[in-house]
Amino acid sequence: MQKPSFLSARYRLILTLGILILFPILGEAQCAMCRAVLESEGNTSVAEGINNGIVYLMAIPYILIGALFFFIYRKLKS
């Protein structure tokens, strides 16, 4: 006898949500550790460089998504 499909779908959903909830915690922990190490060394130029790199890495996806929506908007208007 086969199990109802909603049980396996529910199990997959719970497992996926559990995994996704754990990833940001690990990422934030690493970010805080990097920041603490850079600030404790006393070399502020390296810390500023790392912080600028983080800002650039955060900005690129927003720019790409904005450009994508712009091209879609322009395509729909014509």
PDB file of N, CA and C in Angstrom:
ATOM      1  N   MET A   1       0.839  -1.176   0.000  1.00  0.00           N
ATOM      2  CA  MET A   1       0.000   0.000   0.000  1.00  0.00           C
ATOM      3  C   MET A   1       0.886   1.242   0.000  1.00  0.00           C
ATOM      4  N   GLN A   2       0.568   2.195  -0.857  1.00  0.00           N
ATOM      5  CA  GLN A   2       1.360   3.411  -0.951  1.00  0.00           C
ATOM      6  C   GLN A   2       0.897   4.431   0.072  1.00  0.00           C
ATOM      7  N   LYS A   3       1.870   5.241   0.504  1.00  0.00           N
ATOM      8  CA  LYS A   3       1.544   6.346   1.403  1.00  0.00           C
ATOM      9  C   LYS A   3       0.847   7.444   0.616  1.00  0.00           C
ATOM     10  N   PRO A   4      -0.029   8.183   1.266  1.00  0.00           N
ATOM     11  CA  PRO A   4      -0.612   9.340   0.576  1.00  0.00           C
ATOM     12  C   PRO A   4       0.483  10.345   0.226  1.00  0.00           C
ATOM     13  N   SER A   5       0.331  10.986  -0.915  1.00  0.00           N
ATOM     14  CA  SER A   5       1.382  11.878  -1.401  1.00  0.00           C
ATOM     15  C   SER A   5       1.531  13.135  -0.549  1.00  0.00           C
ATOM     16  N   PHE A   6       0.485  13.550   0.183  1.00  0.00           N
ATOM     17  CA  PHE A   6       0.591  14.774   0.974  1.00  0.00           C
ATOM     18  C   PHE A   6       1.557  14.616   2.136  1.00  0.00           C
ATOM     19  N   LEU A   7       1.754  13.397   2.622  1.00  0.00           N
ATOM     20  CA  LEU A   7       2.721  13.202   3.708  1.00  0.00           C
ATOM     21  C   LEU A   7       4.145  13.424   3.207  1.00  0.00           C
ATOM     22  N   SER A   8       4.459  12.904   2.048  1.00  0.00           N
ATOM     23  CA  SER A   8       5.810  13.099   1.538  1.00  0.00           C
ATOM     24  C   SER A   8       6.039  14.565   1.162  1.00  0.00           C
ATOM     25  N   ALA A   9       5.028  15.231   0.639  1.00  0.00           N
ATOM     26  CA  ALA A   9       5.167  16.648   0.303  1.00  0.00           C
ATOM     27  C   ALA A   9       5.342  17.474   1.570  1.00  0.00           C
ATOM     28  N   ARG A  10       4.607  17.140   2.597  1.00  0.00           N
ATOM     29  CA  ARG A  10       4.730  17.859   3.872  1.00  0.00           C
ATOM     30  C   ARG A  10       6.116  17.634   4.465  1.00  0.00           C
ATOM     31  N   TYR A  11       6.604  16.404   4.403  1.00  0.00           N
ATOM     32  CA  TYR A  11       7.932  16.093   4.929  1.00  0.00           C
ATOM     33  C   TYR A  11       9.003  16.871   4.172  1.00  0.00           C
ATOM     34  N   ARG A  12       8.886  16.923   2.844  1.00  0.00           N
ATOM     35  CA  ARG A  12       9.855  17.680   2.049  1.00  0.00           C
ATOM     36  C   ARG A  12       9.807  19.163   2.382  1.00  0.00           C
ATOM     37  N   LEU A  13       8.616  19.697   2.575  1.00  0.00           N
ATOM     38  CA  LEU A  13       8.473  21.112   2.908  1.00  0.00           C
ATOM     39  C   LEU A  13       9.127  21.423   4.252  1.00  0.00           C
ATOM     40  N   ILE A  14       8.867  20.597   5.246  1.00  0.00           N
ATOM     41  CA  ILE A  14       9.451  20.812   6.573  1.00  0.00           C
ATOM     42  C   ILE A  14      10.970  20.694   6.507  1.00  0.00           C
ATOM     43  N   LEU A  15      11.467  19.720   5.787  1.00  0.00           N
ATOM     44  CA  LEU A  15      12.912  19.540   5.654  1.00  0.00           C
ATOM     45  C   LEU A  15      13.549  20.732   4.936  1.00  0.00           C
ATOM     46  N   THR A  16      12.930  21.181   3.866  1.00  0.00           N
ATOM     47  CA  THR A  16      13.455  22.328   3.120  1.00  0.00           C
ATOM     48  C   THR A  16      13.468  23.585   3.973  1.00  0.00           C
ATOM     49  N   LEU A  17      12.378  23.844   4.677  1.00  0.00           N
ATOM     50  CA  LEU A  17      12.322  25.024   5.540  1.00  0.00           C
ATOM     51  C   LEU A  17      13.359  24.948   6.656  1.00  0.00           C
ATOM     52  N   GLY A  18      13.545  23.772   7.221  1.00  0.00           N
ATOM     53  CA  GLY A  18      14.549  23.606   8.270  1.00  0.00           C
ATOM     54  C   GLY A  18      15.951  23.900   7.770  1.00  0.00           C
ATOM     55  N   ILE A  19      16.265  23.420   6.583  1.00  0.00           N
ATOM     56  CA  ILE A  19      17.589  23.672   6.010  1.00  0.00           C
ATOM     57  C   ILE A  19      17.767  25.151   5.697  1.00  0.00           C
ATOM     58  N   LEU A  20      16.749  25.771   5.112  1.00  0.00           N
ATOM     59  CA  LEU A  20      16.852  27.190   4.762  1.00  0.00           C
ATOM     60  C   LEU A  20      16.960  28.079   5.988  1.00  0.00           C
ATOM     61  N   ILE A  21      16.349  27.675   7.070  1.00  0.00           N
ATOM     62  CA  ILE A  21      16.438  28.461   8.303  1.00  0.00           C
ATOM     63  C   ILE A  21      17.851  28.403   8.874  1.00  0.00           C
ATOM     64  N   LEU A  22      18.544  27.290   8.700  1.00  0.00           N
ATOM     65  CA  LEU A  22      19.886  27.142   9.257  1.00  0.00           C
ATOM     66  C   LEU A  22      20.949  27.908   8.476  1.00  0.00           C
ATOM     67  N   PHE A  23      20.790  28.077   7.174  1.00  0.00           N
ATOM     68  CA  PHE A  23      21.819  28.728   6.373  1.00  0.00           C
ATOM     69  C   PHE A  23      22.090  30.174   6.771  1.00  0.00           C
ATOM     70  N   PRO A  24      21.091  31.035   6.973  1.00  0.00           N
ATOM     71  CA  PRO A  24      21.413  32.418   7.362  1.00  0.00           C
ATOM     72  C   PRO A  24      22.145  32.501   8.697  1.00  0.00           C
ATOM     73  N   ILE A  25      21.833  31.610   9.613  1.00  0.00           N
ATOM     74  CA  ILE A  25      22.510  31.626  10.912  1.00  0.00           C
ATOM     75  C   ILE A  25      24.005  31.367  10.715  1.00  0.00           C
ATOM     76  N   LEU A  26      24.337  30.399   9.882  1.00  0.00           N
ATOM     77  CA  LEU A  26      25.746  30.108   9.623  1.00  0.00           C
ATOM     78  C   LEU A  26      26.421  31.277   8.921  1.00  0.00           C
ATOM     79  N   GLY A  27      25.740  31.900   7.975  1.00  0.00           N
ATOM     80  CA  GLY A  27      26.310  33.035   7.252  1.00  0.00           C
ATOM     81  C   GLY A  27      26.540  34.230   8.153  1.00  0.00           C
ATOM     82  N   GLU A  28      25.591  34.532   9.011  1.00  0.00           N
ATOM     83  CA  GLU A  28      25.749  35.665   9.918  1.00  0.00           C
ATOM     84  C   GLU A  28      26.870  35.410  10.915  1.00  0.00           C
ATOM     85  N   ALA A  29      27.015  34.186  11.352  1.00  0.00           N
ATOM     86  CA  ALA A  29      28.076  33.871  12.300  1.00  0.00           C
ATOM     87  C   ALA A  29      29.440  34.095  11.660  1.00  0.00           C
ATOM     88  N   GLN A  30      29.605  33.671  10.433  1.00  0.00           N
ATOM     89  CA  GLN A  30      30.882  33.850   9.755  1.00  0.00           C
ATOM     90  C   GLN A  30      31.164  35.323   9.508  1.00  0.00           C
ATOM     91  N   CYS A  31      30.143  36.078   9.143  1.00  0.00           N
ATOM     92  CA  CYS A  31      30.329  37.499   8.884  1.00  0.00           C
ATOM     93  C   CYS A  31      30.781  38.215  10.159  1.00  0.00           C
ATOM     94  N   ALA A  32      30.160  37.892  11.273  1.00  0.00           N
ATOM     95  CA  ALA A  32      30.535  38.521  12.539  1.00  0.00           C
ATOM     96  C   ALA A  32      31.960  38.144  12.934  1.00  0.00           C
ATOM     97  N   MET A  33      32.343  36.903  12.671  1.00  0.00           N
ATOM     98  CA  MET A  33      33.697  36.467  13.012  1.00  0.00           C
ATOM     99  C   MET A  33      34.730  37.196  12.159  1.00  0.00           C
ATOM    100  N   CYS A  34      34.462  37.327  10.866  1.00  0.00           N
ATOM    101  CA  CYS A  34      35.401  38.049   9.989  1.00  0.00           C
ATOM    102  C   CYS A  34      35.544  39.494  10.437  1.00  0.00           C
ATOM    103  N   ARG A  35      34.426  40.106  10.755  1.00  0.00           N
ATOM    104  CA  ARG A  35      34.462  41.508  11.166  1.00  0.00           C
ATOM    105  C   ARG A  35      35.251  41.669  12.466  1.00  0.00           C
ATOM    106  N   ALA A  36      35.035  40.779  13.417  1.00  0.00           N
ATOM    107  CA  ALA A  36      35.739  40.872  14.695  1.00  0.00           C
ATOM    108  C   ALA A  36      37.244  40.693  14.506  1.00  0.00           C
ATOM    109  N   VAL A  37      37.633  39.751  13.666  1.00  0.00           N
ATOM    110  CA  VAL A  37      39.059  39.515  13.425  1.00  0.00           C
ATOM    111  C   VAL A  37      39.692  40.726  12.746  1.00  0.00           C
ATOM    112  N   LEU A  38      39.016  41.278  11.751  1.00  0.00           N
ATOM    113  CA  LEU A  38      39.576  42.431  11.038  1.00  0.00           C
ATOM    114  C   LEU A  38      39.697  43.650  11.938  1.00  0.00           C
ATOM    115  N   GLU A  39      38.699  43.879  12.790  1.00  0.00           N
ATOM    116  CA  GLU A  39      38.744  45.049  13.662  1.00  0.00           C
ATOM    117  C   GLU A  39      39.753  44.878  14.791  1.00  0.00           C
ATOM    118  N   SER A  40      40.003  43.653  15.219  1.00  0.00           N
ATOM    119  CA  SER A  40      40.923  43.441  16.333  1.00  0.00           C
ATOM    120  C   SER A  40      42.387  43.532  15.901  1.00  0.00           C
ATOM    121  N   GLU A  41      42.668  43.354  14.620  1.00  0.00           N
ATOM    122  CA  GLU A  41      44.054  43.407  14.157  1.00  0.00           C
ATOM    123  C   GLU A  41      44.615  44.819  14.148  1.00  0.00           C
ATOM    124  N   GLY A  42      43.776  45.822  14.095  1.00  0.00           N
ATOM    125  CA  GLY A  42      44.249  47.194  14.107  1.00  0.00           C
ATOM    126  C   GLY A  42      44.560  47.759  12.737  1.00  0.00           C
ATOM    127  N   ASN A  43      44.536  46.944  11.709  1.00  0.00           N
ATOM    128  CA  ASN A  43      44.794  47.408  10.347  1.00  0.00           C
ATOM    129  C   ASN A  43      43.465  47.840   9.730  1.00  0.00           C
ATOM    130  N   THR A  44      43.172  49.134   9.817  1.00  0.00           N
ATOM    131  CA  THR A  44      41.864  49.621   9.376  1.00  0.00           C
ATOM    132  C   THR A  44      41.720  49.631   7.863  1.00  0.00           C
ATOM    133  N   SER A  45      42.815  49.726   7.122  1.00  0.00           N
ATOM    134  CA  SER A  45      42.694  49.750   5.658  1.00  0.00           C
ATOM    135  C   SER A  45      42.191  48.408   5.132  1.00  0.00           C
ATOM    136  N   VAL A  46      42.635  47.315   5.732  1.00  0.00           N
ATOM    137  CA  VAL A  46      42.155  45.996   5.321  1.00  0.00           C
ATOM    138  C   VAL A  46      40.681  45.848   5.669  1.00  0.00           C
ATOM    139  N   ALA A  47      40.289  46.302   6.852  1.00  0.00           N
ATOM    140  CA  ALA A  47      38.889  46.218   7.266  1.00  0.00           C
ATOM    141  C   ALA A  47      38.001  47.052   6.349  1.00  0.00           C
ATOM    142  N   GLU A  48      38.455  48.240   5.974  1.00  0.00           N
ATOM    143  CA  GLU A  48      37.678  49.077   5.053  1.00  0.00           C
ATOM    144  C   GLU A  48      37.560  48.414   3.686  1.00  0.00           C
ATOM    145  N   GLY A  49      38.614  47.779   3.235  1.00  0.00           N
ATOM    146  CA  GLY A  49      38.574  47.079   1.948  1.00  0.00           C
ATOM    147  C   GLY A  49      37.585  45.934   1.950  1.00  0.00           C
ATOM    148  N   ILE A  50      37.581  45.169   3.026  1.00  0.00           N
ATOM    149  CA  ILE A  50      36.626  44.062   3.144  1.00  0.00           C
ATOM    150  C   ILE A  50      35.205  44.600   3.190  1.00  0.00           C
ATOM    151  N   ASN A  51      34.973  45.659   3.952  1.00  0.00           N
ATOM    152  CA  ASN A  51      33.633  46.244   4.036  1.00  0.00           C
ATOM    153  C   ASN A  51      33.176  46.771   2.682  1.00  0.00           C
ATOM    154  N   ASN A  52      34.062  47.418   1.934  1.00  0.00           N
ATOM    155  CA  ASN A  52      33.706  47.886   0.591  1.00  0.00           C
ATOM    156  C   ASN A  52      33.384  46.715  -0.336  1.00  0.00           C
ATOM    157  N   GLY A  53      34.136  45.644  -0.227  1.00  0.00           N
ATOM    158  CA  GLY A  53      33.862  44.453  -1.034  1.00  0.00           C
ATOM    159  C   GLY A  53      32.497  43.868  -0.739  1.00  0.00           C
ATOM    160  N   ILE A  54      32.119  43.860   0.525  1.00  0.00           N
ATOM    161  CA  ILE A  54      30.800  43.353   0.907  1.00  0.00           C
ATOM    162  C   ILE A  54      29.705  44.220   0.299  1.00  0.00           C
ATOM    163  N   VAL A  55      29.895  45.533   0.328  1.00  0.00           N
ATOM    164  CA  VAL A  55      28.898  46.440  -0.258  1.00  0.00           C
ATOM    165  C   VAL A  55      28.776  46.193  -1.757  1.00  0.00           C
ATOM    166  N   TYR A  56      29.893  46.017  -2.458  1.00  0.00           N
ATOM    167  CA  TYR A  56      29.841  45.754  -3.896  1.00  0.00           C
ATOM    168  C   TYR A  56      29.140  44.435  -4.177  1.00  0.00           C
ATOM    169  N   LEU A  57      29.438  43.419  -3.398  1.00  0.00           N
ATOM    170  CA  LEU A  57      28.788  42.124  -3.597  1.00  0.00           C
ATOM    171  C   LEU A  57      27.286  42.203  -3.349  1.00  0.00           C
ATOM    172  N   MET A  58      26.858  43.052  -2.419  1.00  0.00           N
ATOM    173  CA  MET A  58      25.426  43.211  -2.161  1.00  0.00           C
ATOM    174  C   MET A  58      24.754  44.021  -3.262  1.00  0.00           C
ATOM    175  N   ALA A  59      25.443  44.978  -3.849  1.00  0.00           N
ATOM    176  CA  ALA A  59      24.825  45.884  -4.819  1.00  0.00           C
ATOM    177  C   ALA A  59      24.614  45.229  -6.183  1.00  0.00           C
ATOM    178  N   ILE A  60      25.501  44.362  -6.604  1.00  0.00           N
ATOM    179  CA  ILE A  60      25.436  43.791  -7.947  1.00  0.00           C
ATOM    180  C   ILE A  60      24.112  43.066  -8.217  1.00  0.00           C
ATOM    181  N   PRO A  61      23.611  42.194  -7.342  1.00  0.00           N
ATOM    182  CA  PRO A  61      22.322  41.545  -7.641  1.00  0.00           C
ATOM    183  C   PRO A  61      21.173  42.537  -7.789  1.00  0.00           C
ATOM    184  N   TYR A  62      21.161  43.589  -6.976  1.00  0.00           N
ATOM    185  CA  TYR A  62      20.096  44.585  -7.097  1.00  0.00           C
ATOM    186  C   TYR A  62      20.182  45.320  -8.430  1.00  0.00           C
ATOM    187  N   ILE A  63      21.371  45.628  -8.872  1.00  0.00           N
ATOM    188  CA  ILE A  63      21.544  46.296 -10.161  1.00  0.00           C
ATOM    189  C   ILE A  63      21.085  45.384 -11.298  1.00  0.00           C
ATOM    190  N   LEU A  64      21.461  44.113 -11.234  1.00  0.00           N
ATOM    191  CA  LEU A  64      21.062  43.177 -12.283  1.00  0.00           C
ATOM    192  C   LEU A  64      19.548  42.988 -12.332  1.00  0.00           C
ATOM    193  N   ILE A  65      18.915  42.861 -11.184  1.00  0.00           N
ATOM    194  CA  ILE A  65      17.460  42.696 -11.149  1.00  0.00           C
ATOM    195  C   ILE A  65      16.773  43.964 -11.634  1.00  0.00           C
ATOM    196  N   GLY A  66      17.292  45.126 -11.247  1.00  0.00           N
ATOM    197  CA  GLY A  66      16.737  46.384 -11.735  1.00  0.00           C
ATOM    198  C   GLY A  66      16.838  46.493 -13.248  1.00  0.00           C
ATOM    199  N   ALA A  67      17.976  46.108 -13.811  1.00  0.00           N
ATOM    200  CA  ALA A  67      18.144  46.142 -15.267  1.00  0.00           C
ATOM    201  C   ALA A  67      17.190  45.165 -15.944  1.00  0.00           C
ATOM    202  N   LEU A  68      17.011  43.994 -15.358  1.00  0.00           N
ATOM    203  CA  LEU A  68      16.083  43.010 -15.914  1.00  0.00           C
ATOM    204  C   LEU A  68      14.665  43.565 -15.956  1.00  0.00           C
ATOM    205  N   PHE A  69      14.206  44.168 -14.852  1.00  0.00           N
ATOM    206  CA  PHE A  69      12.867  44.747 -14.825  1.00  0.00           C
ATOM    207  C   PHE A  69      12.750  45.917 -15.799  1.00  0.00           C
ATOM    208  N   PHE A  70      13.802  46.694 -15.953  1.00  0.00           N
ATOM    209  CA  PHE A  70      13.785  47.798 -16.908  1.00  0.00           C
ATOM    210  C   PHE A  70      13.586  47.282 -18.327  1.00  0.00           C
ATOM    211  N   PHE A  71      14.332  46.238 -18.704  1.00  0.00           N
ATOM    212  CA  PHE A  71      14.196  45.697 -20.054  1.00  0.00           C
ATOM    213  C   PHE A  71      12.834  45.044 -20.265  1.00  0.00           C
ATOM    214  N   ILE A  72      12.309  44.383 -19.246  1.00  0.00           N
ATOM    215  CA  ILE A  72      10.967  43.799 -19.356  1.00  0.00           C
ATOM    216  C   ILE A  72       9.931  44.901 -19.513  1.00  0.00           C
ATOM    217  N   TYR A  73      10.052  45.959 -18.726  1.00  0.00           N
ATOM    218  CA  TYR A  73       9.123  47.088 -18.818  1.00  0.00           C
ATOM    219  C   TYR A  73       9.172  47.722 -20.205  1.00  0.00           C
ATOM    220  N   ARG A  74      10.382  47.924 -20.705  1.00  0.00           N
ATOM    221  CA  ARG A  74      10.544  48.537 -22.024  1.00  0.00           C
ATOM    222  C   ARG A  74       9.980  47.635 -23.122  1.00  0.00           C
ATOM    223  N   LYS A  75      10.160  46.326 -22.965  1.00  0.00           N
ATOM    224  CA  LYS A  75       9.635  45.370 -23.953  1.00  0.00           C
ATOM    225  C   LYS A  75       8.111  45.376 -23.944  1.00  0.00           C
ATOM    226  N   LEU A  76       7.505  45.466 -22.758  1.00  0.00           N
ATOM    227  CA  LEU A  76       6.045  45.471 -22.663  1.00  0.00           C
ATOM    228  C   LEU A  76       5.442  46.778 -23.162  1.00  0.00           C
ATOM    229  N   LYS A  77       6.165  47.882 -23.034  1.00  0.00           N
ATOM    230  CA  LYS A  77       5.657  49.177 -23.490  1.00  0.00           C
ATOM    231  C   LYS A  77       5.652  49.288 -25.014  1.00  0.00           C
ATOM    232  N   SER A  78       6.564  48.591 -25.687  1.00  0.00           N
ATOM    233  CA  SER A  78       6.646  48.726 -27.150  1.00  0.00           C
ATOM    234  C   SER A  78       5.728  47.762 -27.873  1.00  0.00           C
TER     235      SER A  78
END
